[in-house]
């Protein structure tokens, strides 16, 4: 007669098995931690990254036609911010030669302020992202001024101006925090894998551990049970 094994998930039994093999679980956790450390050292970028933001705007003032023309020019040429021409002009404004136009081009990001968009005004946020906070501030301001000069050179009305310069840079990538996260994930992953493996071994084991296992959950009749008898003599208590 062939009986199909019934898979039962006994949480208490699984927890006891995990606790019984806690040394193996700890070893798996250490292995996961080592893997996390290796990934943190060789895969994760170990340098912090900072972002500074300056803004330019065009707003209606004076003649409506002149203001509207300046606004349209800003919106039409906003993509010029991310160009080698503006980057080259920004490098000249910096004047120290520490950052060339190609490095500036790679640093720049353009973000349009959707809350400020209206029929009469528009604000563009120009951000510079790099590993040095002072460089990020200097580049963001230089690109903002370079963009204003570039736009006003093709527009008869100088309605595009720098609204806010960058004075500080925010840390947008914390290398130490990222490395700690990788190490923690490695440790937790190692512990979790070990616990899952042990639990699966217990769940799918053919070993008879309970009366239900012996009776195949009621499919067989249990005639009797042999008790476990200890052959060791009980220790006499000292009077």
Protein backbone atom coordinates (compact mmCIF):
# COMPACT_ATOMS: atom_id res chain seq x y z
CA UNK A 1 0.00 0.00 0.00
CA UNK A 2 1.36 3.41 -1.00
CA UNK A 3 0.59 6.44 1.11
CA UNK A 4 1.05 10.04 0.01
CA UNK A 5 3.08 12.06 2.44
CA UNK A 6 1.19 15.03 3.87
CA UNK A 7 3.32 18.15 4.11
CA UNK A 8 2.61 19.97 7.36
CA UNK A 9 4.22 23.24 8.39
CA UNK A 10 4.79 23.04 12.12
CA UNK A 11 6.17 26.44 13.08
CA UNK A 12 7.14 25.41 16.60
CA UNK A 13 8.96 22.37 15.31
CA UNK A 14 10.80 24.47 12.71
CA UNK A 15 11.82 27.02 15.34
CA UNK A 16 13.13 24.29 17.60
CA UNK A 17 15.15 22.84 14.73
CA UNK A 18 16.58 26.26 13.93
CA UNK A 19 17.52 26.83 17.57
CA UNK A 20 19.09 23.39 17.75
CA UNK A 21 21.27 24.25 14.77
CA UNK A 22 21.96 27.82 15.81
CA UNK A 23 25.70 27.38 15.31
CA UNK A 24 25.12 26.66 11.62
CA UNK A 25 22.80 29.62 11.39
CA UNK A 26 25.47 31.87 12.91
CA UNK A 27 28.08 30.53 10.49
CA UNK A 28 25.75 31.25 7.55
CA UNK A 29 25.19 34.75 8.91
CA UNK A 30 28.94 35.34 9.11
CA UNK A 31 29.39 34.08 5.55
CA UNK A 32 26.67 36.48 4.39
CA UNK A 33 28.32 39.31 6.31
CA UNK A 34 31.67 38.58 4.65
CA UNK A 35 30.00 38.62 1.22
CA UNK A 36 28.29 41.90 2.11
CA UNK A 37 31.62 43.43 3.16
CA UNK A 38 33.28 42.28 -0.07
CA UNK A 39 30.47 43.80 -2.13
CA UNK A 40 30.65 47.01 -0.12
CA UNK A 41 34.39 47.29 -0.70
CA UNK A 42 34.65 46.28 -4.35
CA UNK A 43 31.22 47.14 -5.76
CA UNK A 44 29.85 50.15 -3.85
CA UNK A 45 31.27 53.58 -4.65
CA UNK A 46 33.28 54.68 -1.60
CA UNK A 47 33.09 58.44 -2.26
CA UNK A 48 30.24 60.70 -1.13
CA UNK A 49 28.39 62.71 -3.77
CA UNK A 50 27.04 66.24 -3.32
CA UNK A 51 24.48 68.28 -5.24
CA UNK A 52 24.17 72.06 -5.41
CA UNK A 53 21.31 73.90 -7.14
CA UNK A 54 21.02 77.39 -8.60
CA UNK A 55 17.95 78.75 -10.40
CA UNK A 56 17.24 81.11 -13.27
CA UNK A 57 13.93 82.69 -14.22
CA UNK A 58 12.09 84.86 -16.68
CA UNK A 59 9.26 87.01 -15.42
CA UNK A 60 6.94 89.49 -17.08
CA UNK A 61 7.74 93.14 -16.49
CA UNK A 62 7.54 96.29 -18.63
CA UNK A 63 6.25 95.62 -22.13
CA UNK A 64 4.10 92.52 -22.36
CA UNK A 65 5.48 91.61 -25.78
CA UNK A 66 9.06 91.88 -24.55
CA UNK A 67 8.28 89.82 -21.45
CA UNK A 68 6.46 87.16 -23.43
CA UNK A 69 9.36 86.96 -25.85
CA UNK A 70 11.84 86.49 -22.99
CA UNK A 71 9.67 83.79 -21.46
CA UNK A 72 9.35 81.93 -24.75
CA UNK A 73 13.09 82.20 -25.30
CA UNK A 74 13.78 80.67 -21.87
CA UNK A 75 11.42 77.76 -22.48
CA UNK A 76 12.68 77.22 -26.02
CA UNK A 77 16.36 77.21 -25.05
CA UNK A 78 16.17 75.48 -21.67
CA UNK A 79 17.85 72.39 -23.09
CA UNK A 80 20.89 74.54 -23.90
CA UNK A 81 21.82 74.29 -20.21
CA UNK A 82 23.07 70.78 -20.90
CA UNK A 83 25.43 71.70 -23.73
CA UNK A 84 29.18 71.96 -24.22
CA UNK A 85 28.77 75.60 -25.25
CA UNK A 86 27.33 76.59 -21.88
CA UNK A 87 29.80 74.27 -20.11
CA UNK A 88 32.70 75.98 -21.89
CA UNK A 89 31.42 79.42 -20.92
CA UNK A 90 30.99 78.23 -17.31
CA UNK A 91 34.57 76.94 -17.28
CA UNK A 92 35.75 80.40 -18.39
CA UNK A 93 33.69 82.03 -15.63
CA UNK A 94 35.30 79.75 -13.04
CA UNK A 95 38.67 80.85 -14.34
CA UNK A 96 40.85 78.54 -12.25
CA UNK A 97 41.10 75.71 -14.77
CA UNK A 98 40.34 73.07 -12.13
CA UNK A 99 37.27 71.87 -14.00
CA UNK A 100 37.07 71.65 -17.78
CA UNK A 101 33.97 71.86 -19.97
CA UNK A 102 33.61 68.09 -20.30
CA UNK A 103 33.61 67.59 -16.52
CA UNK A 104 31.08 70.41 -16.13
CA UNK A 105 28.89 68.86 -18.83
CA UNK A 106 28.81 65.57 -16.92
CA UNK A 107 27.96 67.31 -13.64
CA UNK A 108 24.98 69.34 -14.85
CA UNK A 109 21.33 68.37 -14.42
CA UNK A 110 18.32 70.46 -15.41
CA UNK A 111 15.16 70.40 -13.33
CA UNK A 112 12.08 72.42 -14.29
CA UNK A 113 10.13 73.84 -11.36
CA UNK A 114 6.59 72.74 -12.22
CA UNK A 115 5.07 74.76 -9.36
CA UNK A 116 6.39 78.00 -10.86
CA UNK A 117 5.19 77.42 -14.43
CA UNK A 118 2.59 79.97 -15.49
CA UNK A 119 1.75 82.15 -18.43
CA UNK A 120 3.95 84.96 -17.09
CA UNK A 121 6.92 83.29 -15.40
CA UNK A 122 9.14 80.23 -15.47
CA UNK A 123 11.90 78.94 -13.20
CA UNK A 124 14.63 76.47 -14.12
CA UNK A 125 16.72 74.73 -11.47
CA UNK A 126 20.29 74.03 -12.55
CA UNK A 127 22.07 71.40 -10.44
CA UNK A 128 25.68 70.26 -10.33
CA UNK A 129 26.52 66.87 -8.85
CA UNK A 130 30.07 65.91 -7.89
CA UNK A 131 32.17 64.47 -5.07
CA UNK A 132 33.33 67.89 -3.80
CA UNK A 133 30.67 70.14 -2.23
CA UNK A 134 32.58 73.38 -2.95
CA UNK A 135 33.04 72.40 -6.59
CA UNK A 136 29.33 71.57 -6.87
CA UNK A 137 28.38 75.04 -5.59
CA UNK A 138 30.87 76.83 -7.85
CA UNK A 139 29.86 74.88 -10.97
CA UNK A 140 26.11 75.30 -10.38
CA UNK A 141 26.51 79.08 -10.06
CA UNK A 142 28.86 79.32 -13.03
CA UNK A 143 26.50 77.33 -15.28
CA UNK A 144 23.53 79.46 -14.18
CA UNK A 145 25.36 82.68 -15.09
CA UNK A 146 26.69 81.15 -18.33
CA UNK A 147 23.18 80.07 -19.33
CA UNK A 148 21.80 83.56 -18.64
CA UNK A 149 24.55 85.13 -20.77
CA UNK A 150 23.91 82.62 -23.56
CA UNK A 151 20.14 83.20 -23.60
CA UNK A 152 20.38 86.98 -23.38
CA UNK A 153 22.83 86.97 -26.28
CA UNK A 154 20.12 85.65 -28.60
CA UNK A 155 17.27 87.64 -27.07
CA UNK A 156 16.97 91.44 -27.41
CA UNK A 157 15.41 91.69 -23.96
CA UNK A 158 17.46 90.64 -20.93
CA UNK A 159 14.48 89.19 -19.10
CA UNK A 160 16.28 85.96 -18.12
CA UNK A 161 18.19 86.36 -14.87
CA UNK A 162 19.69 84.35 -12.05
CA UNK A 163 17.08 83.95 -9.33
CA UNK A 164 18.98 82.11 -6.58
CA UNK A 165 22.62 81.15 -6.41
CA UNK A 166 23.77 77.96 -4.70
CA UNK A 167 25.36 78.52 -1.30
CA UNK A 168 25.67 74.96 -0.08
CA UNK A 169 25.54 71.40 -1.39
CA UNK A 170 23.46 68.53 -0.09
CA UNK A 171 24.85 65.03 0.26
CA UNK A 172 22.82 62.91 -2.16
CA UNK A 173 24.93 59.77 -1.87
CA UNK A 174 26.36 58.66 1.48
CA UNK A 175 29.01 56.03 0.82
CA UNK A 176 29.31 54.83 4.43
CA UNK A 177 25.54 54.44 4.76
CA UNK A 178 25.44 52.46 1.52
CA UNK A 179 28.24 50.17 2.70
CA UNK A 180 26.51 49.58 6.04
CA UNK A 181 23.30 48.67 4.20
CA UNK A 182 25.16 46.13 2.04
CA UNK A 183 26.80 44.56 5.12
CA UNK A 184 23.47 44.40 6.96
CA UNK A 185 21.74 42.85 3.95
CA UNK A 186 24.51 40.26 3.68
CA UNK A 187 24.16 39.32 7.36
CA UNK A 188 20.36 39.18 7.26
CA UNK A 189 20.44 37.28 3.97
CA UNK A 190 22.83 34.66 5.34
CA UNK A 191 20.71 34.14 8.46
CA UNK A 192 17.50 34.00 6.40
CA UNK A 193 18.87 31.45 3.93
CA UNK A 194 20.07 29.20 6.75
CA UNK A 195 16.72 29.38 8.55
CA UNK A 196 14.77 28.66 5.35
CA UNK A 197 16.96 25.67 4.50
CA UNK A 198 16.59 24.19 7.99
CA UNK A 199 12.84 24.77 7.96
CA UNK A 200 12.51 23.10 4.55
CA UNK A 201 14.52 20.10 5.73
CA UNK A 202 12.19 19.71 8.71
CA UNK A 203 9.01 20.20 6.68
CA UNK A 204 9.92 17.74 3.92
CA UNK A 205 11.73 15.25 6.14
CA UNK A 206 10.62 11.58 6.13
CA UNK A 207 11.73 11.20 9.73
CA UNK A 208 9.00 10.14 12.16
CA UNK A 209 8.92 12.60 15.02
CA UNK A 210 5.32 12.67 16.21
CA UNK A 211 2.35 10.34 16.55
CA UNK A 212 0.75 12.03 13.56
CA UNK A 213 3.81 11.21 11.45
CA UNK A 214 3.63 7.56 12.53
CA UNK A 215 -0.08 7.24 11.72
CA UNK A 216 0.24 9.17 8.46
CA UNK A 217 -2.34 11.59 9.84
CA UNK A 218 -4.94 8.92 10.65
CA UNK A 219 -4.39 6.60 7.70
CA UNK A 220 -2.73 3.96 9.91
CA UNK A 221 -3.75 2.68 13.30
CA UNK A 222 -1.28 3.02 16.16
CA UNK A 223 -1.24 -0.21 18.21
CA UNK A 224 1.12 0.99 20.90
CA UNK A 225 4.15 3.07 21.75
CA UNK A 226 7.48 2.16 23.31
CA UNK A 227 8.44 4.62 26.03
CA UNK A 228 11.92 6.03 26.31
CA UNK A 229 13.56 4.69 29.46
CA UNK A 230 16.73 6.17 30.86
CA UNK A 231 19.25 3.52 31.98
CA UNK A 232 21.28 5.98 34.00
CA UNK A 233 20.91 5.85 37.74
CA UNK A 234 19.52 9.00 39.27
CA UNK A 235 22.07 11.06 41.11
CA UNK A 236 21.74 10.98 44.87
CA UNK A 237 21.21 14.33 46.43
CA UNK A 238 23.69 15.41 49.06
CA UNK A 239 22.19 15.72 52.46
